[in-house]
């Protein structure tokens, strides 16, 4: 059932998400169930297609026996929660200082160009939502963007479009650095710890 404003009137965890919620709550001492609010909100958001309606937040409040307003406070504070519907691929481009110094404006413009939408908008086929966000914690591999649970790093205009085109075609682009580096190793190659057991190049 859905209200006129697009909000579902009811929400409850399905069988698998409820089992996971119980497991999470069990990690906390008796009387401290409210500590599970962050992971339970994440569970609810995943079950509901990437966003949290009021009914889902109310259900989390009921499960944890805490005032609904406290759940709303958490959900509205953290940017990891979406209080409105988002596209199937939620594209978050980091634009804080490390990424800005490495060209995040080019990444953002490439997203606009490839998707045909601006920040805060969703494509007509509901495949992509574009958002500008604060630091996502992958500064050494800047510039980067997060799509769903995956990070795509060391981006430029063309690499950004390659990732987006792959997703549009139903493919799964390789997450992580989009260049030659491995993990967070120096982009130009190792500068220290180049020897193993005292043998250079071993």
N, C-alpha and C. Protein backbone atom coordinates (compact mmCIF):
# COMPACT_ATOMS: atom_id res chain seq x y z
N UNK A 1 0.83 -1.21 0.00
CA UNK A 1 0.00 0.00 0.00
C UNK A 1 0.87 1.26 0.00
N UNK A 2 0.50 2.22 -0.83
CA UNK A 2 1.27 3.45 -0.96
C UNK A 2 0.37 4.66 -0.80
N UNK A 3 0.86 5.64 -0.06
CA UNK A 3 0.11 6.88 0.13
C UNK A 3 0.25 7.75 -1.11
N UNK A 4 -0.53 8.84 -1.17
CA UNK A 4 -0.52 9.72 -2.33
C UNK A 4 0.83 10.38 -2.56
N UNK A 5 1.63 10.54 -1.49
CA UNK A 5 2.94 11.18 -1.62
C UNK A 5 4.04 10.20 -1.99
N UNK A 6 3.68 8.98 -2.36
CA UNK A 6 4.67 7.98 -2.76
C UNK A 6 5.25 7.19 -1.61
N UNK A 7 4.90 7.56 -0.40
CA UNK A 7 5.39 6.86 0.78
C UNK A 7 4.54 5.61 1.04
N UNK A 8 5.15 4.45 1.24
CA UNK A 8 4.35 3.27 1.59
C UNK A 8 3.72 3.46 2.96
N UNK A 9 2.50 2.96 3.12
CA UNK A 9 1.82 3.10 4.41
C UNK A 9 2.36 2.13 5.45
N UNK A 10 2.90 1.01 4.98
CA UNK A 10 3.39 -0.01 5.90
C UNK A 10 4.75 -0.51 5.45
N UNK A 11 5.52 -0.99 6.40
CA UNK A 11 6.81 -1.61 6.11
C UNK A 11 7.14 -2.57 7.24
N UNK A 12 7.70 -3.71 6.90
CA UNK A 12 8.25 -4.62 7.90
C UNK A 12 9.34 -5.43 7.22
N UNK A 13 10.29 -5.88 8.00
CA UNK A 13 11.37 -6.68 7.45
C UNK A 13 10.81 -7.99 6.90
N UNK A 14 11.31 -8.39 5.73
CA UNK A 14 10.95 -9.72 5.24
C UNK A 14 11.72 -10.77 6.04
N UNK A 15 11.51 -12.02 5.73
CA UNK A 15 12.06 -13.10 6.56
C UNK A 15 13.58 -13.04 6.67
N UNK A 16 14.26 -12.87 5.54
CA UNK A 16 15.73 -12.88 5.56
C UNK A 16 16.29 -11.64 6.26
N UNK A 17 15.70 -10.46 6.00
CA UNK A 17 16.19 -9.24 6.64
C UNK A 17 15.86 -9.23 8.13
N UNK A 18 14.73 -9.83 8.50
CA UNK A 18 14.39 -9.90 9.92
C UNK A 18 15.37 -10.79 10.66
N UNK A 19 15.77 -11.90 10.05
CA UNK A 19 16.75 -12.79 10.68
C UNK A 19 18.07 -12.06 10.86
N UNK A 20 18.47 -11.28 9.86
CA UNK A 20 19.72 -10.53 9.97
C UNK A 20 19.61 -9.45 11.04
N UNK A 21 18.44 -8.81 11.12
CA UNK A 21 18.23 -7.78 12.14
C UNK A 21 18.35 -8.37 13.54
N UNK A 22 17.77 -9.55 13.76
CA UNK A 22 17.86 -10.19 15.07
C UNK A 22 19.30 -10.54 15.42
N UNK A 23 20.05 -10.97 14.41
CA UNK A 23 21.46 -11.31 14.63
C UNK A 23 22.24 -10.07 15.05
N UNK A 24 21.97 -8.95 14.38
CA UNK A 24 22.66 -7.70 14.70
C UNK A 24 22.31 -7.23 16.11
N UNK A 25 21.02 -7.26 16.44
CA UNK A 25 20.58 -6.81 17.77
C UNK A 25 21.23 -7.66 18.85
N UNK A 26 21.43 -8.94 18.57
CA UNK A 26 22.04 -9.84 19.55
C UNK A 26 23.47 -9.52 19.90
N UNK A 27 24.10 -8.64 19.14
CA UNK A 27 25.49 -8.26 19.44
C UNK A 27 25.59 -7.26 20.59
N UNK A 28 24.45 -6.69 20.96
CA UNK A 28 24.46 -5.63 21.97
C UNK A 28 23.87 -6.12 23.29
N UNK A 29 24.35 -5.55 24.41
CA UNK A 29 23.83 -5.97 25.73
C UNK A 29 22.34 -5.67 25.87
N UNK A 30 21.68 -6.42 26.70
CA UNK A 30 20.26 -6.19 26.99
C UNK A 30 20.04 -4.75 27.43
N UNK A 31 19.06 -4.11 26.86
CA UNK A 31 18.78 -2.72 27.19
C UNK A 31 19.53 -1.72 26.34
N UNK A 32 20.42 -2.21 25.48
CA UNK A 32 21.20 -1.33 24.60
C UNK A 32 20.89 -1.58 23.13
N UNK A 33 19.69 -2.06 22.86
CA UNK A 33 19.31 -2.41 21.49
C UNK A 33 19.36 -1.21 20.55
N UNK A 34 19.16 -0.01 21.09
CA UNK A 34 19.16 1.19 20.26
C UNK A 34 20.49 1.37 19.53
N UNK A 35 21.55 0.74 20.04
CA UNK A 35 22.86 0.84 19.40
C UNK A 35 22.86 0.21 18.02
N UNK A 36 21.85 -0.59 17.73
CA UNK A 36 21.78 -1.27 16.42
C UNK A 36 21.05 -0.43 15.38
N UNK A 37 20.72 0.81 15.68
CA UNK A 37 19.90 1.61 14.77
C UNK A 37 20.57 1.83 13.42
N UNK A 38 21.88 2.07 13.38
CA UNK A 38 22.56 2.34 12.11
C UNK A 38 22.52 1.12 11.18
N UNK A 39 22.95 -0.06 11.63
CA UNK A 39 22.87 -1.22 10.71
C UNK A 39 21.44 -1.62 10.36
N UNK A 40 20.48 -1.41 11.27
CA UNK A 40 19.10 -1.77 10.93
C UNK A 40 18.50 -0.81 9.91
N UNK A 41 18.86 0.45 9.99
CA UNK A 41 18.41 1.39 8.95
C UNK A 41 19.00 1.01 7.60
N UNK A 42 20.25 0.56 7.61
CA UNK A 42 20.87 0.11 6.37
C UNK A 42 20.13 -1.10 5.80
N UNK A 43 19.77 -2.04 6.65
CA UNK A 43 19.00 -3.21 6.22
C UNK A 43 17.67 -2.79 5.60
N UNK A 44 16.98 -1.87 6.27
CA UNK A 44 15.68 -1.42 5.78
C UNK A 44 15.83 -0.73 4.43
N UNK A 45 16.88 0.08 4.28
CA UNK A 45 17.09 0.79 3.03
C UNK A 45 17.37 -0.19 1.89
N UNK A 46 18.18 -1.21 2.16
CA UNK A 46 18.48 -2.20 1.13
C UNK A 46 17.23 -2.98 0.72
N UNK A 47 16.40 -3.33 1.70
CA UNK A 47 15.17 -4.05 1.38
C UNK A 47 14.22 -3.20 0.56
N UNK A 48 14.23 -1.89 0.81
CA UNK A 48 13.25 -1.01 0.16
C UNK A 48 13.79 -0.35 -1.12
N UNK A 49 14.81 -0.93 -1.72
CA UNK A 49 15.26 -0.42 -3.00
C UNK A 49 16.13 0.81 -2.94
N UNK A 50 16.84 1.00 -1.83
CA UNK A 50 17.82 2.08 -1.78
C UNK A 50 17.39 3.36 -1.10
N UNK A 51 16.19 3.37 -0.51
CA UNK A 51 15.80 4.58 0.23
C UNK A 51 14.92 4.20 1.41
N UNK A 52 14.80 5.15 2.36
CA UNK A 52 14.09 4.91 3.61
C UNK A 52 12.80 5.72 3.69
N UNK A 53 11.64 5.09 3.52
CA UNK A 53 10.38 5.79 3.76
C UNK A 53 10.14 5.91 5.26
N UNK A 54 9.24 6.77 5.64
CA UNK A 54 8.93 6.96 7.06
C UNK A 54 8.47 5.65 7.70
N UNK A 55 7.71 4.85 6.96
CA UNK A 55 7.23 3.58 7.51
C UNK A 55 8.37 2.66 7.89
N UNK A 56 9.45 2.67 7.11
CA UNK A 56 10.61 1.83 7.41
C UNK A 56 11.31 2.32 8.68
N UNK A 57 11.43 3.63 8.81
CA UNK A 57 12.06 4.18 10.02
C UNK A 57 11.21 3.88 11.24
N UNK A 58 9.90 3.96 11.09
CA UNK A 58 9.01 3.64 12.21
C UNK A 58 9.15 2.17 12.61
N UNK A 59 9.31 1.31 11.62
CA UNK A 59 9.46 -0.12 11.92
C UNK A 59 10.75 -0.37 12.69
N UNK A 60 11.83 0.28 12.27
CA UNK A 60 13.10 0.14 13.00
C UNK A 60 12.94 0.63 14.43
N UNK A 61 12.22 1.73 14.61
CA UNK A 61 11.98 2.26 15.96
C UNK A 61 11.21 1.24 16.81
N UNK A 62 10.21 0.61 16.21
CA UNK A 62 9.42 -0.39 16.94
C UNK A 62 10.27 -1.60 17.32
N UNK A 63 11.08 -2.07 16.37
CA UNK A 63 11.92 -3.24 16.63
C UNK A 63 12.91 -2.98 17.76
N UNK A 64 13.44 -1.76 17.78
CA UNK A 64 14.46 -1.41 18.78
C UNK A 64 13.87 -0.78 20.03
N UNK A 65 12.55 -0.62 20.05
CA UNK A 65 11.86 -0.04 21.21
C UNK A 65 12.44 1.32 21.59
N UNK A 66 12.54 2.18 20.57
CA UNK A 66 13.05 3.52 20.81
C UNK A 66 12.13 4.54 20.14
N UNK A 67 12.12 5.78 20.61
CA UNK A 67 11.25 6.78 20.00
C UNK A 67 11.56 6.97 18.53
N UNK A 68 10.53 7.09 17.70
CA UNK A 68 10.72 7.24 16.27
C UNK A 68 11.55 8.47 15.93
N UNK A 69 11.39 9.55 16.72
CA UNK A 69 12.12 10.78 16.43
C UNK A 69 13.62 10.55 16.50
N UNK A 70 14.08 9.67 17.37
CA UNK A 70 15.51 9.38 17.47
C UNK A 70 16.00 8.65 16.23
N UNK A 71 15.17 7.81 15.66
CA UNK A 71 15.53 7.13 14.42
C UNK A 71 15.58 8.13 13.27
N UNK A 72 14.60 9.05 13.23
CA UNK A 72 14.60 10.08 12.19
C UNK A 72 15.88 10.93 12.28
N UNK A 73 16.31 11.22 13.50
CA UNK A 73 17.51 12.04 13.69
C UNK A 73 18.73 11.36 13.08
N UNK A 74 18.85 10.07 13.31
CA UNK A 74 19.99 9.33 12.76
C UNK A 74 19.92 9.29 11.24
N UNK A 75 18.75 8.95 10.71
CA UNK A 75 18.58 8.80 9.27
C UNK A 75 18.79 10.12 8.53
N UNK A 76 18.43 11.23 9.15
CA UNK A 76 18.58 12.52 8.47
C UNK A 76 19.97 13.12 8.65
N UNK A 77 20.75 12.57 9.59
CA UNK A 77 22.10 13.10 9.84
C UNK A 77 23.12 12.50 8.89
N UNK A 78 23.04 11.19 8.67
CA UNK A 78 24.05 10.49 7.87
C UNK A 78 23.65 10.48 6.39
N UNK A 79 24.60 10.87 5.53
CA UNK A 79 24.31 10.92 4.10
C UNK A 79 24.24 9.54 3.47
N UNK A 80 24.57 8.50 4.19
CA UNK A 80 24.46 7.14 3.66
C UNK A 80 23.00 6.70 3.54
N UNK A 81 22.10 7.45 4.17
CA UNK A 81 20.68 7.12 4.09
C UNK A 81 19.98 8.08 3.14
N UNK A 82 19.09 7.54 2.33
CA UNK A 82 18.33 8.33 1.37
C UNK A 82 16.87 8.39 1.81
N UNK A 83 16.36 9.57 2.00
CA UNK A 83 14.99 9.74 2.45
C UNK A 83 14.02 9.96 1.29
N UNK A 84 14.55 9.88 0.08
CA UNK A 84 13.73 9.94 -1.13
C UNK A 84 14.22 8.86 -2.09
N UNK A 85 13.38 8.43 -3.02
CA UNK A 85 13.79 7.37 -3.96
C UNK A 85 15.02 7.76 -4.77
N UNK A 86 15.86 6.78 -5.07
CA UNK A 86 17.04 6.98 -5.91
C UNK A 86 17.01 5.94 -7.02
N UNK A 87 17.81 6.18 -8.05
CA UNK A 87 17.87 5.26 -9.17
C UNK A 87 18.56 3.95 -8.80
N UNK A 88 18.48 3.02 -9.73
CA UNK A 88 19.09 1.70 -9.52
C UNK A 88 20.58 1.81 -9.25
N UNK A 89 21.24 2.74 -9.92
CA UNK A 89 22.66 3.02 -9.70
C UNK A 89 22.79 4.42 -9.09
N UNK A 90 23.15 4.46 -7.82
CA UNK A 90 23.23 5.72 -7.10
C UNK A 90 24.67 6.23 -7.19
N UNK A 91 24.90 7.21 -8.05
CA UNK A 91 26.24 7.70 -8.36
C UNK A 91 26.56 8.88 -7.44
N UNK A 92 27.58 8.71 -6.59
CA UNK A 92 27.98 9.75 -5.66
C UNK A 92 29.41 10.19 -5.98
N UNK A 93 29.55 11.42 -6.41
CA UNK A 93 30.86 11.94 -6.79
C UNK A 93 31.42 12.79 -5.66
N UNK A 94 32.60 12.42 -5.17
CA UNK A 94 33.25 13.18 -4.10
C UNK A 94 33.82 14.47 -4.68
N UNK A 95 33.55 15.60 -4.02
CA UNK A 95 34.05 16.89 -4.50
C UNK A 95 34.80 17.67 -3.41
N UNK A 96 35.27 16.96 -2.37
CA UNK A 96 36.04 17.65 -1.34
C UNK A 96 37.48 17.85 -1.79
N UNK A 97 38.31 18.50 -0.97
CA UNK A 97 39.59 19.05 -1.41
C UNK A 97 40.51 18.06 -2.14
N UNK A 98 40.81 16.86 -1.59
CA UNK A 98 41.73 15.98 -2.34
C UNK A 98 41.21 15.63 -3.74
N UNK A 99 39.92 15.34 -3.85
CA UNK A 99 39.35 15.04 -5.16
C UNK A 99 39.29 16.28 -6.04
N UNK A 100 39.03 17.44 -5.43
CA UNK A 100 38.99 18.69 -6.19
C UNK A 100 40.36 18.99 -6.80
N UNK A 101 41.42 18.74 -6.03
CA UNK A 101 42.76 18.99 -6.53
C UNK A 101 43.14 18.04 -7.66
N UNK A 102 42.47 16.90 -7.72
CA UNK A 102 42.80 15.89 -8.74
C UNK A 102 41.79 15.86 -9.89
N UNK A 103 40.85 16.79 -9.92
CA UNK A 103 39.98 16.91 -11.07
C UNK A 103 38.59 16.34 -10.94
N UNK A 104 37.98 16.42 -9.75
CA UNK A 104 36.63 15.88 -9.58
C UNK A 104 35.60 16.64 -10.42
N UNK A 105 35.91 17.90 -10.77
CA UNK A 105 34.97 18.65 -11.61
C UNK A 105 34.83 18.00 -12.98
N UNK A 106 35.91 17.41 -13.46
CA UNK A 106 35.87 16.70 -14.74
C UNK A 106 35.02 15.45 -14.62
N UNK A 107 35.17 14.74 -13.49
CA UNK A 107 34.37 13.53 -13.24
C UNK A 107 32.88 13.89 -13.19
N UNK A 108 32.56 14.95 -12.46
CA UNK A 108 31.17 15.36 -12.32
C UNK A 108 30.59 15.79 -13.67
N UNK A 109 31.36 16.53 -14.44
CA UNK A 109 30.89 16.95 -15.76
C UNK A 109 30.70 15.75 -16.69
N UNK A 110 31.56 14.74 -16.57
CA UNK A 110 31.43 13.54 -17.38
C UNK A 110 30.17 12.78 -17.03
N UNK A 111 29.83 12.75 -15.74
CA UNK A 111 28.59 12.11 -15.30
C UNK A 111 27.39 12.85 -15.87
N UNK A 112 27.41 14.17 -15.79
CA UNK A 112 26.32 14.98 -16.34
C UNK A 112 26.15 14.69 -17.84
N UNK A 113 27.28 14.66 -18.54
CA UNK A 113 27.25 14.49 -19.99
C UNK A 113 26.76 13.09 -20.38
N UNK A 114 27.28 12.09 -19.70
CA UNK A 114 26.94 10.70 -20.05
C UNK A 114 25.51 10.35 -19.66
N UNK A 115 25.06 10.85 -18.51
CA UNK A 115 23.74 10.48 -17.99
C UNK A 115 22.63 11.43 -18.45
N UNK A 116 23.02 12.64 -18.86
CA UNK A 116 22.01 13.61 -19.30
C UNK A 116 21.19 14.18 -18.16
N UNK A 117 21.76 14.18 -16.96
CA UNK A 117 21.08 14.73 -15.79
C UNK A 117 22.04 15.61 -15.01
N UNK A 118 21.51 16.40 -14.09
CA UNK A 118 22.35 17.23 -13.22
C UNK A 118 22.33 16.64 -11.81
N UNK A 119 23.13 17.20 -10.96
CA UNK A 119 23.20 16.76 -9.56
C UNK A 119 21.82 16.83 -8.92
N UNK A 120 21.44 15.77 -8.24
CA UNK A 120 20.15 15.71 -7.57
C UNK A 120 19.04 15.17 -8.44
N UNK A 121 19.36 14.80 -9.67
CA UNK A 121 18.34 14.31 -10.60
C UNK A 121 18.49 12.81 -10.86
N UNK A 122 17.43 12.22 -11.38
CA UNK A 122 17.41 10.80 -11.72
C UNK A 122 17.02 10.66 -13.19
N UNK A 123 17.66 9.73 -13.89
CA UNK A 123 17.35 9.52 -15.30
C UNK A 123 15.91 9.04 -15.45
N UNK A 124 15.34 9.28 -16.63
CA UNK A 124 13.93 8.95 -16.87
C UNK A 124 13.65 7.46 -16.76
N UNK A 125 14.68 6.63 -17.00
CA UNK A 125 14.49 5.18 -16.89
C UNK A 125 14.76 4.67 -15.47
N UNK A 126 15.03 5.60 -14.56
CA UNK A 126 15.29 5.30 -13.14
C UNK A 126 16.54 4.43 -12.94
N UNK A 127 17.45 4.49 -13.90
CA UNK A 127 18.67 3.69 -13.79
C UNK A 127 19.76 4.39 -12.98
N UNK A 128 19.79 5.73 -13.03
CA UNK A 128 20.87 6.46 -12.38
C UNK A 128 20.34 7.68 -11.62
N UNK A 129 20.90 7.91 -10.45
CA UNK A 129 20.72 9.16 -9.70
C UNK A 129 22.11 9.72 -9.46
N UNK A 130 22.28 11.01 -9.66
CA UNK A 130 23.59 11.66 -9.50
C UNK A 130 23.58 12.58 -8.29
N UNK A 131 24.63 12.45 -7.47
CA UNK A 131 24.72 13.28 -6.27
C UNK A 131 26.16 13.70 -6.03
N UNK A 132 26.34 14.91 -5.54
CA UNK A 132 27.64 15.42 -5.12
C UNK A 132 27.76 15.22 -3.62
N UNK A 133 28.87 14.61 -3.16
CA UNK A 133 28.98 14.26 -1.74
C UNK A 133 30.31 14.74 -1.17
N UNK A 134 30.38 14.67 0.15
CA UNK A 134 31.61 14.99 0.87
C UNK A 134 32.53 13.77 0.88
N UNK A 135 33.65 13.88 1.53
CA UNK A 135 34.73 12.89 1.50
C UNK A 135 34.22 11.46 1.72
N UNK A 136 34.64 10.56 0.83
CA UNK A 136 34.27 9.15 0.92
C UNK A 136 35.46 8.30 1.40
N UNK A 137 36.56 8.95 1.72
CA UNK A 137 37.67 8.25 2.37
C UNK A 137 38.62 7.51 1.45
N UNK A 138 38.62 7.82 0.17
CA UNK A 138 39.57 7.19 -0.74
C UNK A 138 40.48 8.26 -1.34
N UNK A 139 40.93 9.18 -0.49
CA UNK A 139 41.65 10.38 -0.94
C UNK A 139 42.91 10.06 -1.74
N UNK A 140 43.65 9.02 -1.35
CA UNK A 140 44.91 8.71 -2.03
C UNK A 140 44.68 8.31 -3.48
N UNK A 141 43.48 7.83 -3.80
CA UNK A 141 43.16 7.42 -5.17
C UNK A 141 42.19 8.39 -5.84
N UNK A 142 42.24 9.64 -5.42
CA UNK A 142 41.36 10.66 -5.99
C UNK A 142 41.73 10.93 -7.45
N UNK A 143 40.70 11.38 -8.24
CA UNK A 143 39.29 11.57 -7.88
C UNK A 143 38.53 10.27 -7.98
N UNK A 144 37.41 10.19 -7.27
CA UNK A 144 36.67 8.94 -7.20
C UNK A 144 35.18 9.18 -7.07
N UNK A 145 34.44 8.10 -7.30
CA UNK A 145 33.00 8.15 -7.09
C UNK A 145 32.56 6.81 -6.51
N UNK A 146 31.47 6.83 -5.78
CA UNK A 146 30.89 5.61 -5.24
C UNK A 146 29.58 5.34 -5.96
N UNK A 147 29.39 4.10 -6.40
CA UNK A 147 28.14 3.69 -7.02
C UNK A 147 27.66 2.46 -6.29
N UNK A 148 26.54 2.59 -5.58
CA UNK A 148 26.10 1.49 -4.71
C UNK A 148 27.12 1.27 -3.61
N UNK A 149 27.62 0.05 -3.49
CA UNK A 149 28.62 -0.27 -2.47
C UNK A 149 30.04 -0.20 -3.00
N UNK A 150 30.22 0.12 -4.28
CA UNK A 150 31.54 0.03 -4.90
C UNK A 150 32.18 1.41 -5.09
N UNK A 151 33.52 1.44 -4.95
CA UNK A 151 34.30 2.64 -5.21
C UNK A 151 34.99 2.51 -6.57
N UNK A 152 34.99 3.61 -7.32
CA UNK A 152 35.70 3.68 -8.60
C UNK A 152 36.66 4.86 -8.50
N UNK A 153 37.96 4.57 -8.59
CA UNK A 153 39.00 5.53 -8.23
C UNK A 153 39.94 5.82 -9.40
N UNK A 154 40.79 6.84 -9.20
CA UNK A 154 41.75 7.26 -10.24
C UNK A 154 41.02 7.57 -11.55
N UNK A 155 39.95 8.32 -11.45
CA UNK A 155 39.11 8.58 -12.61
C UNK A 155 39.57 9.77 -13.44
N UNK A 156 39.22 9.75 -14.70
CA UNK A 156 39.30 10.92 -15.56
C UNK A 156 38.00 10.92 -16.37
N UNK A 157 37.89 11.80 -17.35
CA UNK A 157 36.64 11.91 -18.10
C UNK A 157 36.26 10.60 -18.78
N UNK A 158 37.22 9.99 -19.49
CA UNK A 158 36.91 8.79 -20.25
C UNK A 158 36.64 7.59 -19.35
N UNK A 159 37.44 7.42 -18.29
CA UNK A 159 37.25 6.29 -17.38
C UNK A 159 35.89 6.37 -16.68
N UNK A 160 35.47 7.58 -16.37
CA UNK A 160 34.16 7.77 -15.74
C UNK A 160 33.06 7.29 -16.67
N UNK A 161 33.16 7.68 -17.93
CA UNK A 161 32.13 7.29 -18.90
C UNK A 161 32.14 5.79 -19.16
N UNK A 162 33.32 5.17 -19.14
CA UNK A 162 33.42 3.72 -19.35
C UNK A 162 32.65 2.98 -18.25
N UNK A 163 32.82 3.43 -17.00
CA UNK A 163 32.12 2.81 -15.87
C UNK A 163 30.61 2.95 -16.04
N UNK A 164 30.16 4.15 -16.35
CA UNK A 164 28.73 4.42 -16.47
C UNK A 164 28.11 3.65 -17.65
N UNK A 165 28.82 3.60 -18.76
CA UNK A 165 28.32 2.86 -19.92
C UNK A 165 28.19 1.37 -19.61
N UNK A 166 29.16 0.83 -18.87
CA UNK A 166 29.10 -0.58 -18.51
C UNK A 166 27.87 -0.87 -17.66
N UNK A 167 27.61 -0.01 -16.70
CA UNK A 167 26.43 -0.19 -15.84
C UNK A 167 25.15 -0.07 -16.64
N UNK A 168 25.11 0.86 -17.58
CA UNK A 168 23.92 1.03 -18.41
C UNK A 168 23.66 -0.21 -19.25
N UNK A 169 24.73 -0.89 -19.64
CA UNK A 169 24.61 -2.09 -20.46
C UNK A 169 24.41 -3.36 -19.64
N UNK A 170 24.22 -3.20 -18.33
CA UNK A 170 23.99 -4.35 -17.47
C UNK A 170 25.25 -5.10 -17.10
N UNK A 171 26.41 -4.50 -17.37
CA UNK A 171 27.69 -5.13 -17.03
C UNK A 171 28.11 -4.72 -15.62
N UNK A 172 29.13 -5.39 -15.10
CA UNK A 172 29.66 -5.07 -13.77
C UNK A 172 31.09 -4.59 -13.91
N UNK A 173 31.31 -3.27 -13.94
CA UNK A 173 32.68 -2.76 -14.09
C UNK A 173 33.52 -3.10 -12.87
N UNK A 174 34.81 -3.29 -13.10
CA UNK A 174 35.72 -3.62 -12.01
C UNK A 174 35.85 -2.42 -11.07
N UNK A 175 35.57 -2.62 -9.78
CA UNK A 175 35.70 -1.51 -8.84
C UNK A 175 37.17 -1.27 -8.47
N UNK A 176 37.41 -0.22 -7.70
CA UNK A 176 38.76 0.11 -7.28
C UNK A 176 39.45 1.03 -8.27
N UNK A 177 40.79 1.09 -8.22
CA UNK A 177 41.52 1.97 -9.13
C UNK A 177 41.25 1.62 -10.59
N UNK A 178 41.03 2.63 -11.40
CA UNK A 178 40.75 2.41 -12.82
C UNK A 178 42.01 2.58 -13.67
N UNK A 179 43.16 2.70 -13.01
CA UNK A 179 44.44 2.75 -13.70
C UNK A 179 45.23 1.48 -13.44
N UNK A 180 46.55 1.59 -13.44
CA UNK A 180 47.42 0.42 -13.30
C UNK A 180 47.78 0.11 -11.85
N UNK A 181 47.57 1.07 -10.96
CA UNK A 181 48.01 0.85 -9.58
C UNK A 181 47.21 -0.26 -8.91
N UNK A 182 47.80 -0.88 -7.91
CA UNK A 182 47.15 -1.92 -7.14
C UNK A 182 46.77 -1.35 -5.79
N UNK A 183 45.47 -1.37 -5.48
CA UNK A 183 45.02 -0.82 -4.21
C UNK A 183 45.39 0.64 -4.08
N UNK A 184 46.06 0.97 -2.97
CA UNK A 184 46.48 2.35 -2.73
C UNK A 184 47.98 2.53 -2.88
N UNK A 185 48.61 1.64 -3.63
CA UNK A 185 50.04 1.77 -3.90
C UNK A 185 50.31 3.04 -4.68
N UNK A 186 51.52 3.58 -4.61
CA UNK A 186 51.82 4.80 -5.37
C UNK A 186 51.52 4.63 -6.85
N UNK A 187 50.94 5.64 -7.46
CA UNK A 187 50.55 5.56 -8.87
C UNK A 187 51.76 5.34 -9.78
N UNK A 188 52.94 5.87 -9.38
CA UNK A 188 54.14 5.75 -10.20
C UNK A 188 54.97 4.53 -9.83
N UNK A 189 54.45 3.66 -8.96
CA UNK A 189 55.21 2.49 -8.53
C UNK A 189 55.75 2.65 -7.13
N UNK A 190 56.23 1.54 -6.56
CA UNK A 190 56.71 1.55 -5.18
C UNK A 190 57.93 2.45 -5.02
N UNK A 191 57.95 3.19 -3.92
CA UNK A 191 59.09 4.04 -3.60
C UNK A 191 59.81 3.56 -2.35
N UNK A 192 59.20 2.62 -1.63
CA UNK A 192 59.81 2.04 -0.43
C UNK A 192 59.34 0.59 -0.31
N UNK A 193 59.96 -0.15 0.58
CA UNK A 193 59.64 -1.56 0.77
C UNK A 193 59.72 -2.31 -0.56
N UNK A 194 60.76 -2.00 -1.31
CA UNK A 194 60.94 -2.63 -2.62
C UNK A 194 61.74 -3.92 -2.55
N UNK A 195 62.21 -4.28 -1.35
CA UNK A 195 62.97 -5.50 -1.19
C UNK A 195 62.26 -6.45 -0.26
N UNK A 196 62.41 -7.75 -0.49
CA UNK A 196 61.82 -8.75 0.36
C UNK A 196 62.93 -9.65 0.89
N UNK A 197 62.98 -9.81 2.22
CA UNK A 197 64.01 -10.64 2.87
C UNK A 197 65.41 -10.20 2.48
N UNK A 198 65.59 -8.87 2.26
CA UNK A 198 66.90 -8.37 1.96
C UNK A 198 67.32 -8.56 0.53
N UNK A 199 66.50 -9.18 -0.29
CA UNK A 199 66.85 -9.42 -1.69
C UNK A 199 66.04 -8.51 -2.59
N UNK A 200 66.71 -7.59 -3.21
CA UNK A 200 66.02 -6.60 -4.05
C UNK A 200 65.34 -7.30 -5.23
N UNK A 201 64.07 -6.97 -5.40
CA UNK A 201 63.31 -7.53 -6.52
C UNK A 201 62.84 -8.95 -6.29
N UNK A 202 63.06 -9.51 -5.09
CA UNK A 202 62.65 -10.89 -4.84
C UNK A 202 61.16 -10.97 -4.69
